[in-house]
Amino acid sequence: MAVIVPFRGISYNPQIIKDLSQVVAPPYDVISPQEQDVLYQRHPHNVVRLILNKETPQDTPQDNRYTRSAALYSAWQKEEVLVRAATQHFYFLQEEFSPSVLPAGQTVSTSGMIVRQGFIGLIRLEEYSAKVVLPHEKTQTKPRADRLALMEACQANFSQIYSLYEDKKGEVAPIYHQIFSSGPPSMEATDAEGVRRKVWMVSDPGILKKVREIMKPKEIYIADGHHRYETALAYREKQRQKFPKSTGRETYNFTMMYFAAMEDPGVFILPTHRVVSNLDGFEAEGFLDQLRSDFMMEDYEFQEGNEKAVRDRLLQQLAHRPDRERVLGMLLKGIKKYFLLTLKDSRAIKRVEPGIAPSLEALDVNLLHIPILQKRLNIGGQDLAASKKVFYFKDPGEAAAAVQAGKGQVAFFLNPTRTHQVRDVSLAGETMPSKSTFFYPKLLSGLVINPLDPHEEIDVE
């Protein structure tokens, strides 16, 4: 049973922060050092100073990025730059973005702006074994330790975990319609990519109760934020040791999460393309001959003047075929052709990995990883994890340019993982390969903060 509850969030004070767009930031794990500098310069109260404070050579156990975040978080509350809501809310969120960000072939049914709908609340933490909250990724020790240090220093969730739930009957849709048509939002922000966020703070007891009841029987699938969820579990255990008489209602037994319906037309997973490099003795024509045993090939020849148009045509074909065929796109260094690879025999993956789960076999990422990277190029899981031979690109043009500039030997273009595949892998208790999903748009940090006062209890009735 999913226990999802409203909460008294902390948000920027609109009397002091006139433009919320100046103080929000992407999730910490997608902020490059260059973007960190930009966000620091954008506004002295930008949330990046809380979620990803800068390290300095002079850092000590007493003065470091985490202690500085905590000091700023405390100071901003005292100065009322950040203020806490007087009553409990669910934070209903609309995110509007242009179809132009989608890759060629990933079409939508509307020519206008795409809208993703969801809400932010707290969820009671459950071990994965309870099958209430279900993961699809493995996490790494270093990011978990980093987030735990920040959580311990600040006693807060600064960012939401992005999750999905199934809503085949459309039970939440009427609530979204009621709220989003009720009047202007409580807050609004537009990020650097032009994605516009509108937030409605809802405290109506009837709506809060109805949402909680609808969500109670649902399975919750983590889309983005596995490290944050597992950090919250670790934080809970440390707090339970510190406070052995806990009741289970303390704030540390919950974490902040964003919930979106899997069926929402604004829920998108973008593909992540791969460029392979540092292959000793690699010879393009010989590699093509090897692939022909498992794949049929169509080639798309290009010249310098029409390379992008030909690539877009390949991506269109790639996007239109996955319902009936298993396909990948490819570009080889020194060959002015794009290739569309179509799997000949559905058993090709099982021949390399006989015990693979059906949910994993169905992933396009494994169509590349197993019969090509693993079987043909001898690139295994350790190489993929270390990113020594495989590099990742969101933009297919950048992946192609890397190969054409000699920085890679072969580029592979993939279709995105589908939301139902995330569900299937999660339900099977399996984990996807790294970089299998890129949910877009990323959730913003700075819309609402969840305080974790260990002496405060959550109303779960």
Protein backbone atom coordinates (compact mmCIF):
# COMPACT_ATOMS: atom_id res chain seq x y z
CA MET A 1 0.00 0.00 0.00
CA ALA A 2 1.42 3.38 -1.03
CA VAL A 3 1.05 5.95 1.75
CA ILE A 4 1.17 9.28 -0.11
CA VAL A 5 0.45 12.41 1.91
CA PRO A 6 0.43 16.21 1.56
CA PHE A 7 2.99 18.29 3.44
CA ARG A 8 3.96 21.78 4.55
CA GLY A 9 6.60 22.58 1.97
CA ILE A 10 9.16 25.37 2.00
CA SER A 11 9.20 27.61 -1.09
CA TYR A 12 10.76 30.86 -2.23
CA ASN A 13 9.00 33.94 -0.87
CA PRO A 14 7.40 35.75 -3.85
CA GLN A 15 7.63 39.04 -1.92
CA ILE A 16 11.42 38.78 -2.07
CA ILE A 17 12.06 36.57 -5.11
CA LYS A 18 10.07 38.26 -7.87
CA ASP A 19 11.17 35.90 -10.66
CA LEU A 20 11.27 32.24 -9.64
CA SER A 21 13.03 31.38 -12.91
CA GLN A 22 16.18 33.04 -11.56
CA VAL A 23 16.51 30.75 -8.55
CA VAL A 24 15.50 27.27 -9.76
CA ALA A 25 17.97 24.71 -11.16
CA PRO A 26 18.05 21.30 -12.84
CA PRO A 27 18.73 18.19 -10.71
CA TYR A 28 22.24 18.14 -9.23
CA ASP A 29 23.39 15.16 -11.31
CA VAL A 30 22.94 16.88 -14.68
CA ILE A 31 24.64 20.16 -13.71
CA SER A 32 28.07 20.50 -15.32
CA PRO A 33 30.78 22.68 -13.69
CA GLN A 34 30.12 25.28 -16.38
CA GLU A 35 26.37 25.31 -15.67
CA GLN A 36 27.08 25.46 -11.95
CA ASP A 37 29.02 28.70 -12.57
CA VAL A 38 26.15 30.09 -14.64
CA LEU A 39 23.60 29.28 -11.94
CA TYR A 40 25.83 30.80 -9.24
CA GLN A 41 26.03 34.03 -11.24
CA ARG A 42 22.34 34.08 -12.12
CA HIS A 43 21.14 34.90 -8.61
CA PRO A 44 22.67 34.93 -5.10
CA HIS A 45 19.75 32.80 -3.88
CA ASN A 46 19.79 30.22 -6.66
CA VAL A 47 19.01 26.78 -5.25
CA VAL A 48 22.22 25.39 -6.80
CA ARG A 49 23.96 26.77 -3.70
CA LEU A 50 21.91 24.31 -1.66
CA ILE A 51 21.84 21.23 -3.90
CA LEU A 52 25.37 21.53 -5.34
CA ASN A 53 27.51 23.96 -3.41
CA LYS A 54 30.99 24.48 -4.81
CA GLU A 55 33.97 22.62 -3.43
CA THR A 56 37.14 24.54 -2.58
CA PRO A 57 40.73 23.38 -1.96
CA GLN A 58 40.40 24.74 1.59
CA ASP A 59 37.47 22.48 2.50
CA THR A 60 37.66 20.82 5.92
CA PRO A 61 35.32 18.51 7.88
CA GLN A 62 34.02 21.66 9.61
CA ASP A 63 33.74 23.87 6.50
CA ASN A 64 32.77 22.18 3.24
CA ARG A 65 30.14 22.16 0.52
CA TYR A 66 27.60 20.47 2.83
CA THR A 67 28.08 22.75 5.82
CA ARG A 68 27.88 25.79 3.53
CA SER A 69 24.62 24.51 2.05
CA ALA A 70 23.24 24.03 5.56
CA ALA A 71 24.31 27.52 6.65
CA LEU A 72 22.68 29.12 3.60
CA TYR A 73 19.50 27.06 4.01
CA SER A 74 19.20 28.23 7.62
CA ALA A 75 20.03 31.86 6.77
CA TRP A 76 17.55 32.03 3.89
CA GLN A 77 14.79 30.83 6.20
CA LYS A 78 15.70 33.40 8.87
CA GLU A 79 15.73 36.12 6.20
CA GLU A 80 12.37 34.76 4.91
CA VAL A 81 13.78 34.24 1.43
CA LEU A 82 12.41 30.73 1.98
CA VAL A 83 9.08 30.41 3.77
CA ARG A 84 7.11 27.41 4.95
CA ALA A 85 3.46 26.83 4.07
CA ALA A 86 1.06 27.20 6.99
CA THR A 87 -1.00 24.17 5.97
CA GLN A 88 -0.48 20.86 4.21
CA HIS A 89 -0.59 20.79 0.41
CA PHE A 90 -0.18 18.63 -2.61
CA TYR A 91 1.75 20.62 -5.21
CA PHE A 92 0.13 20.08 -8.61
CA LEU A 93 2.46 20.68 -11.51
CA GLN A 94 2.05 21.46 -15.20
CA GLU A 95 5.16 21.44 -17.40
CA GLU A 96 4.85 22.87 -20.91
CA PHE A 97 7.49 22.31 -23.59
CA SER A 98 7.83 22.45 -27.35
CA PRO A 99 7.70 19.34 -29.56
CA SER A 100 10.88 20.66 -31.19
CA VAL A 101 12.95 19.13 -28.38
CA LEU A 102 11.85 15.64 -29.40
CA PRO A 103 14.06 13.64 -31.77
CA ALA A 104 13.12 13.15 -35.40
CA GLY A 105 10.37 10.57 -35.62
CA GLN A 106 9.24 10.82 -31.99
CA THR A 107 5.98 12.43 -33.00
CA VAL A 108 3.11 13.70 -30.88
CA SER A 109 -0.59 14.06 -31.56
CA THR A 110 -0.62 17.83 -31.14
CA SER A 111 1.10 20.62 -33.03
CA GLY A 112 1.01 22.90 -29.97
CA MET A 113 2.90 22.78 -26.69
CA ILE A 114 3.21 19.43 -24.91
CA VAL A 115 2.00 19.39 -21.31
CA ARG A 116 3.04 16.93 -18.62
CA GLN A 117 0.80 16.75 -15.55
CA GLY A 118 1.64 15.46 -12.09
CA PHE A 119 1.80 16.33 -8.42
CA ILE A 120 4.36 16.50 -5.63
CA GLY A 121 3.73 14.92 -2.24
CA LEU A 122 5.42 12.76 0.34
CA ILE A 123 5.55 8.98 0.16
CA ARG A 124 6.23 6.70 3.09
CA LEU A 125 9.57 5.02 2.52
CA GLU A 126 9.39 1.30 1.79
CA GLU A 127 12.12 -1.21 1.08
CA TYR A 128 12.08 -2.42 -2.51
CA SER A 129 11.18 -5.89 -1.25
CA ALA A 130 7.74 -4.57 -0.21
CA LYS A 131 6.93 -4.07 -3.94
CA VAL A 132 5.35 -0.66 -3.29
CA VAL A 133 8.18 1.43 -4.74
CA LEU A 134 9.91 -0.34 -7.62
CA PRO A 135 13.32 0.53 -9.15
CA HIS A 136 14.75 -0.19 -12.59
CA GLU A 137 18.36 0.99 -12.07
CA LYS A 138 21.36 0.08 -9.99
CA THR A 139 22.93 2.88 -7.99
CA GLN A 140 26.53 3.78 -7.25
CA THR A 141 28.15 4.26 -3.86
CA LYS A 142 29.71 7.69 -4.43
CA PRO A 143 26.50 9.57 -5.41
CA ARG A 144 24.61 7.94 -2.53
CA ALA A 145 27.28 9.05 -0.06
CA ASP A 146 27.23 12.57 -1.49
CA ARG A 147 23.45 12.96 -1.18
CA LEU A 148 23.43 11.43 2.30
CA ALA A 149 26.04 13.94 3.50
CA LEU A 150 23.90 16.78 2.16
CA MET A 151 20.71 15.39 3.73
CA GLU A 152 22.38 14.96 7.12
CA ALA A 153 23.81 18.49 7.06
CA CYS A 154 20.60 20.22 5.94
CA GLN A 155 17.82 17.90 7.16
CA ALA A 156 15.79 18.45 4.00
CA ASN A 157 14.80 17.03 0.62
CA PHE A 158 15.73 19.74 -1.89
CA SER A 159 14.68 17.78 -4.98
CA GLN A 160 11.84 15.44 -5.86
CA ILE A 161 12.19 11.85 -6.99
CA TYR A 162 10.37 11.39 -10.31
CA SER A 163 7.97 8.44 -10.28
CA LEU A 164 5.30 6.91 -12.49
CA TYR A 165 2.03 5.19 -11.65
CA GLU A 166 -0.53 3.44 -13.82
CA ASP A 167 -3.88 5.17 -14.25
CA LYS A 168 -5.62 3.14 -16.95
CA LYS A 169 -9.06 4.34 -15.80
CA GLY A 170 -7.99 8.00 -15.75
CA GLU A 171 -9.01 8.47 -12.11
CA VAL A 172 -6.68 11.40 -11.45
CA ALA A 173 -7.41 13.21 -14.73
CA PRO A 174 -10.63 14.94 -13.49
CA ILE A 175 -8.73 16.22 -10.45
CA TYR A 176 -6.01 17.68 -12.68
CA HIS A 177 -8.66 19.34 -14.84
CA GLN A 178 -10.42 20.80 -11.79
CA ILE A 179 -7.22 22.23 -10.33
CA PHE A 180 -5.61 23.52 -13.50
CA SER A 181 -8.79 25.32 -14.54
CA SER A 182 -9.48 26.77 -11.07
CA GLY A 183 -7.40 29.92 -11.46
CA PRO A 184 -3.82 31.16 -11.78
CA PRO A 185 -0.99 29.01 -10.39
CA SER A 186 0.66 29.64 -7.04
CA MET A 187 4.07 29.89 -8.68
CA GLU A 188 5.60 29.78 -12.15
CA ALA A 189 9.09 29.37 -13.59
CA THR A 190 10.69 28.88 -17.01
CA ASP A 191 14.04 27.10 -17.29
CA ALA A 192 16.96 27.69 -19.66
CA GLU A 193 15.50 25.22 -22.20
CA GLY A 194 12.20 27.10 -22.32
CA VAL A 195 10.21 24.55 -20.30
CA ARG A 196 7.50 26.41 -18.40
CA ARG A 197 6.43 25.12 -14.98
CA LYS A 198 3.21 26.11 -13.22
CA VAL A 199 2.51 24.98 -9.66
CA TRP A 200 -0.83 24.99 -7.86
CA MET A 201 -0.62 24.58 -4.08
CA VAL A 202 -3.76 22.62 -3.12
CA SER A 203 -4.97 22.31 0.47
CA ASP A 204 -8.65 21.47 -0.10
CA PRO A 205 -9.31 18.54 2.29
CA GLY A 206 -11.65 16.80 -0.16
CA ILE A 207 -9.10 16.83 -2.97
CA LEU A 208 -6.27 15.76 -0.68
CA LYS A 209 -8.32 12.83 0.61
CA LYS A 210 -9.41 11.73 -2.86
CA VAL A 211 -5.87 11.77 -4.24
CA ARG A 212 -4.59 9.76 -1.29
CA GLU A 213 -7.33 7.15 -1.75
CA ILE A 214 -6.72 6.84 -5.50
CA MET A 215 -2.98 6.45 -5.04
CA LYS A 216 -3.11 4.00 -2.09
CA PRO A 217 -3.33 0.71 -4.07
CA LYS A 218 -0.90 1.76 -6.81
CA GLU A 219 2.59 0.51 -7.47
CA ILE A 220 5.05 3.38 -7.75
CA TYR A 221 7.82 3.07 -10.36
CA ILE A 222 10.92 5.19 -9.90
CA ALA A 223 11.62 6.94 -13.19
CA ASP A 224 14.46 9.23 -12.14
CA GLY A 225 16.08 9.59 -8.73
CA HIS A 226 17.13 6.11 -7.61
CA HIS A 227 20.12 7.55 -5.74
CA ARG A 228 17.88 9.99 -3.88
CA TYR A 229 15.42 7.27 -2.90
CA GLU A 230 18.12 4.94 -1.61
CA THR A 231 19.73 7.87 0.20
CA ALA A 232 16.39 8.54 1.91
CA LEU A 233 16.27 4.89 3.03
CA ALA A 234 19.80 5.16 4.43
CA TYR A 235 18.94 8.44 6.18
CA ARG A 236 15.85 6.85 7.72
CA GLU A 237 17.92 3.99 9.16
CA LYS A 238 20.44 6.39 10.70
CA GLN A 239 17.64 8.46 12.22
CA ARG A 240 15.94 5.34 13.63
CA GLN A 241 19.19 4.43 15.37
CA LYS A 242 19.40 7.95 16.76
CA PHE A 243 15.75 7.94 17.86
CA PRO A 244 14.96 4.31 18.81
CA LYS A 245 11.44 5.13 20.06
CA SER A 246 10.23 6.29 16.65
CA THR A 247 6.57 5.79 15.79
CA GLY A 248 6.92 5.54 12.01
CA ARG A 249 5.23 8.91 11.51
CA GLU A 250 8.39 11.02 11.82
CA THR A 251 9.38 13.06 8.78
CA TYR A 252 12.43 10.88 8.10
CA ASN A 253 10.12 7.96 7.35
CA PHE A 254 8.94 9.85 4.23
CA THR A 255 10.52 11.42 1.18
CA MET A 256 9.40 13.97 -1.39
CA MET A 257 8.27 12.57 -4.73
CA TYR A 258 6.70 13.73 -7.99
CA PHE A 259 3.99 11.44 -9.38
CA ALA A 260 2.96 11.29 -13.05
CA ALA A 261 0.62 8.87 -14.78
CA MET A 262 2.36 6.47 -17.13
CA GLU A 263 -0.40 7.14 -19.67
CA ASP A 264 0.06 10.93 -19.61
CA PRO A 265 0.82 12.13 -23.16
CA GLY A 266 3.43 14.51 -21.75
CA VAL A 267 5.58 11.73 -20.25
CA PHE A 268 8.56 11.28 -22.54
CA ILE A 269 11.70 9.20 -22.49
CA LEU A 270 14.36 10.46 -24.88
CA PRO A 271 16.93 8.12 -26.45
CA THR A 272 20.58 8.12 -25.48
CA HIS A 273 22.86 7.31 -28.42
CA ARG A 274 26.24 5.58 -28.13
CA VAL A 275 29.64 6.24 -29.71
CA VAL A 276 32.25 3.50 -29.46
CA SER A 277 35.93 4.42 -29.40
CA ASN A 278 39.36 3.08 -28.44
CA LEU A 279 38.87 -0.24 -30.24
CA ASP A 280 42.17 -1.89 -31.12
CA GLY A 281 42.37 -3.28 -34.65
CA PHE A 282 38.85 -2.15 -35.57
CA GLU A 283 38.15 -2.36 -39.32
CA ALA A 284 34.81 -0.97 -40.55
CA GLU A 285 34.20 -3.26 -43.54
CA GLY A 286 35.04 -6.37 -41.56
CA PHE A 287 32.68 -5.25 -38.79
CA LEU A 288 29.89 -4.80 -41.35
CA ASP A 289 30.45 -8.34 -42.58
CA GLN A 290 30.21 -9.67 -39.01
CA LEU A 291 26.92 -7.86 -38.38
CA ARG A 292 25.28 -9.36 -41.45
CA SER A 293 24.97 -12.71 -39.71
CA ASP A 294 22.49 -11.22 -37.20
CA PHE A 295 21.13 -8.13 -38.97
CA MET A 296 19.62 -7.11 -42.28
CA MET A 297 21.03 -3.78 -43.47
CA GLU A 298 19.66 -0.80 -45.33
CA ASP A 299 22.11 1.97 -46.18
CA TYR A 300 21.46 5.70 -46.59
CA GLU A 301 24.25 7.34 -48.52
CA PHE A 302 25.01 11.00 -47.90
CA GLN A 303 27.25 13.84 -49.08
CA GLU A 304 28.53 16.76 -47.04
CA GLY A 305 25.61 18.95 -48.09
CA ASN A 306 22.80 16.57 -47.14
CA GLU A 307 24.21 14.62 -44.19
CA LYS A 308 21.70 15.99 -41.66
CA ALA A 309 18.72 15.37 -43.96
CA VAL A 310 19.82 11.77 -44.52
CA ARG A 311 20.38 11.25 -40.79
CA ASP A 312 16.89 12.60 -40.07
CA ARG A 313 15.47 10.17 -42.64
CA LEU A 314 17.25 7.31 -40.87
CA LEU A 315 15.87 8.43 -37.50
CA GLN A 316 12.37 8.66 -38.95
CA GLN A 317 12.65 5.08 -40.18
CA LEU A 318 14.08 4.02 -36.83
CA ALA A 319 11.12 5.55 -34.98
CA HIS A 320 8.46 4.06 -37.26
CA ARG A 321 9.56 0.41 -37.10
CA PRO A 322 9.89 -0.72 -33.46
CA ASP A 323 6.32 -2.01 -33.19
CA ARG A 324 7.06 -4.73 -35.73
CA GLU A 325 10.88 -4.99 -35.94
CA ARG A 326 13.96 -4.69 -33.73
CA VAL A 327 16.06 -1.90 -35.25
CA LEU A 328 19.15 0.22 -34.63
CA GLY A 329 20.87 3.00 -36.58
CA MET A 330 24.61 3.11 -37.21
CA LEU A 331 27.39 5.31 -38.63
CA LEU A 332 30.93 4.07 -39.23
CA LYS A 333 34.03 6.23 -39.41
CA GLY A 334 35.20 6.70 -43.00
CA ILE A 335 31.97 5.47 -44.62
CA LYS A 336 29.53 8.08 -45.91
CA LYS A 337 26.47 6.00 -45.23
CA TYR A 338 24.04 5.62 -42.40
CA PHE A 339 22.87 2.06 -41.79
CA LEU A 340 19.56 0.77 -40.49
CA LEU A 341 20.12 -2.58 -38.79
CA THR A 342 17.13 -4.93 -38.45
CA LEU A 343 17.46 -8.04 -36.30
CA LYS A 344 16.95 -11.20 -38.36
CA ASP A 345 16.32 -13.71 -35.58
CA SER A 346 14.64 -12.89 -32.27
CA ARG A 347 16.74 -15.59 -30.60
CA ALA A 348 20.03 -13.75 -31.28
CA ILE A 349 20.09 -12.10 -27.84
CA LYS A 350 19.27 -15.33 -25.99
CA ARG A 351 22.04 -17.17 -27.80
CA VAL A 352 24.55 -14.79 -26.21
CA GLU A 353 22.77 -14.57 -22.82
CA PRO A 354 20.55 -17.67 -22.49
CA GLY A 355 19.08 -16.76 -19.10
CA ILE A 356 18.12 -13.18 -19.86
CA ALA A 357 14.72 -12.06 -18.53
CA PRO A 358 12.11 -11.30 -21.23
CA SER A 359 11.71 -7.73 -19.94
CA LEU A 360 15.44 -7.10 -20.49
CA GLU A 361 15.58 -8.93 -23.81
CA ALA A 362 12.92 -6.53 -25.14
CA LEU A 363 15.05 -3.41 -24.58
CA ASP A 364 16.68 -1.75 -27.58
CA VAL A 365 19.64 -0.96 -25.35
CA ASN A 366 20.24 -4.71 -25.01
CA LEU A 367 19.74 -5.18 -28.74
CA LEU A 368 22.90 -3.10 -29.01
CA HIS A 369 24.74 -4.23 -25.88
CA ILE A 370 24.42 -7.99 -26.19
CA PRO A 371 24.70 -9.15 -29.85
CA ILE A 372 26.89 -6.19 -30.91
CA LEU A 373 28.95 -4.63 -28.10
CA GLN A 374 29.36 -7.81 -26.07
CA LYS A 375 29.49 -10.42 -28.84
CA ARG A 376 31.22 -8.54 -31.65
CA LEU A 377 33.28 -5.82 -29.92
CA ASN A 378 34.09 -7.56 -26.63
CA ILE A 379 32.73 -4.62 -24.61
CA GLY A 380 31.24 -5.94 -21.39
CA GLY A 381 29.48 -4.50 -18.38
CA GLN A 382 32.65 -3.23 -16.70
CA ASP A 383 33.68 -1.25 -19.78
CA LEU A 384 30.19 0.22 -20.02
CA ALA A 385 30.15 1.19 -16.35
CA ALA A 386 33.58 2.81 -16.60
CA SER A 387 32.72 4.63 -19.88
CA LYS A 388 36.14 3.71 -21.24
CA LYS A 389 35.04 2.66 -24.69
CA VAL A 390 31.43 3.85 -24.94
CA PHE A 391 30.36 7.50 -24.75
CA TYR A 392 26.81 8.78 -24.52
CA PHE A 393 25.03 11.51 -26.46
CA LYS A 394 21.52 12.94 -26.26
CA ASP A 395 21.91 14.74 -29.59
CA PRO A 396 22.28 12.36 -32.58
CA GLY A 397 24.04 15.14 -34.48
CA GLU A 398 26.73 15.35 -31.80
CA ALA A 399 27.17 11.57 -31.86
CA ALA A 400 27.58 11.65 -35.65
CA ALA A 401 30.00 14.59 -35.46
CA ALA A 402 32.17 12.71 -32.95
CA VAL A 403 32.60 9.84 -35.42
CA GLN A 404 33.17 12.11 -38.40
CA ALA A 405 35.81 14.04 -36.45
CA GLY A 406 37.65 10.83 -35.62
CA LYS A 407 36.78 10.87 -31.90
CA GLY A 408 34.85 7.63 -32.28
CA GLN A 409 34.88 4.63 -34.59
CA VAL A 410 31.17 3.86 -34.73
CA ALA A 411 27.95 5.57 -33.58
CA PHE A 412 24.76 3.72 -32.75
CA PHE A 413 21.37 5.43 -32.76
CA LEU A 414 18.60 4.03 -30.58
CA ASN A 415 14.89 4.43 -30.11
CA PRO A 416 13.89 5.48 -26.59
CA THR A 417 12.88 2.98 -23.95
CA ARG A 418 9.09 2.96 -23.57
CA THR A 419 7.33 3.62 -20.27
CA HIS A 420 5.72 0.17 -20.24
CA GLN A 421 9.22 -1.33 -20.49
CA VAL A 422 10.23 0.56 -17.34
CA ARG A 423 7.19 -0.98 -15.64
CA ASP A 424 7.93 -4.48 -16.95
CA VAL A 425 11.58 -4.42 -15.87
CA SER A 426 10.63 -3.07 -12.45
CA LEU A 427 7.92 -5.69 -11.90
CA ALA A 428 10.33 -8.44 -12.93
CA GLY A 429 12.78 -7.27 -10.26
CA GLU A 430 15.44 -6.62 -12.89
CA THR A 431 17.63 -3.58 -13.58
CA MET A 432 18.30 -1.90 -16.88
CA PRO A 433 21.76 -1.16 -18.29
CA SER A 434 23.20 2.27 -17.56
CA LYS A 435 21.80 5.17 -19.62
CA SER A 436 18.67 3.26 -20.64
CA THR A 437 16.27 6.09 -19.80
CA PHE A 438 16.34 9.87 -20.02
CA PHE A 439 13.02 11.25 -18.83
CA TYR A 440 12.26 14.69 -20.23
CA PRO A 441 11.84 17.31 -18.98
CA LYS A 442 13.96 16.90 -15.88
CA LEU A 443 12.30 18.06 -12.68
CA LEU A 444 13.40 21.42 -11.35
CA SER A 445 14.91 21.87 -7.92
CA GLY A 446 13.72 24.94 -6.04
CA LEU A 447 9.95 24.71 -6.53
CA VAL A 448 9.39 23.20 -3.10
CA ILE A 449 11.58 21.81 -0.30
CA ASN A 450 10.59 19.15 2.22
CA PRO A 451 11.98 19.82 5.73
CA LEU A 452 13.04 16.79 7.80
CA ASP A 453 12.64 17.84 11.41
CA PRO A 454 13.11 14.58 13.36
CA HIS A 455 10.72 15.79 16.09
CA GLU A 456 7.88 16.50 13.69
CA GLU A 457 5.33 13.86 12.72
CA ILE A 458 3.36 13.36 9.50
CA ASP A 459 -0.41 13.01 9.60
CA VAL A 460 -1.08 9.67 7.90
CA GLU A 461 -4.81 9.47 8.75
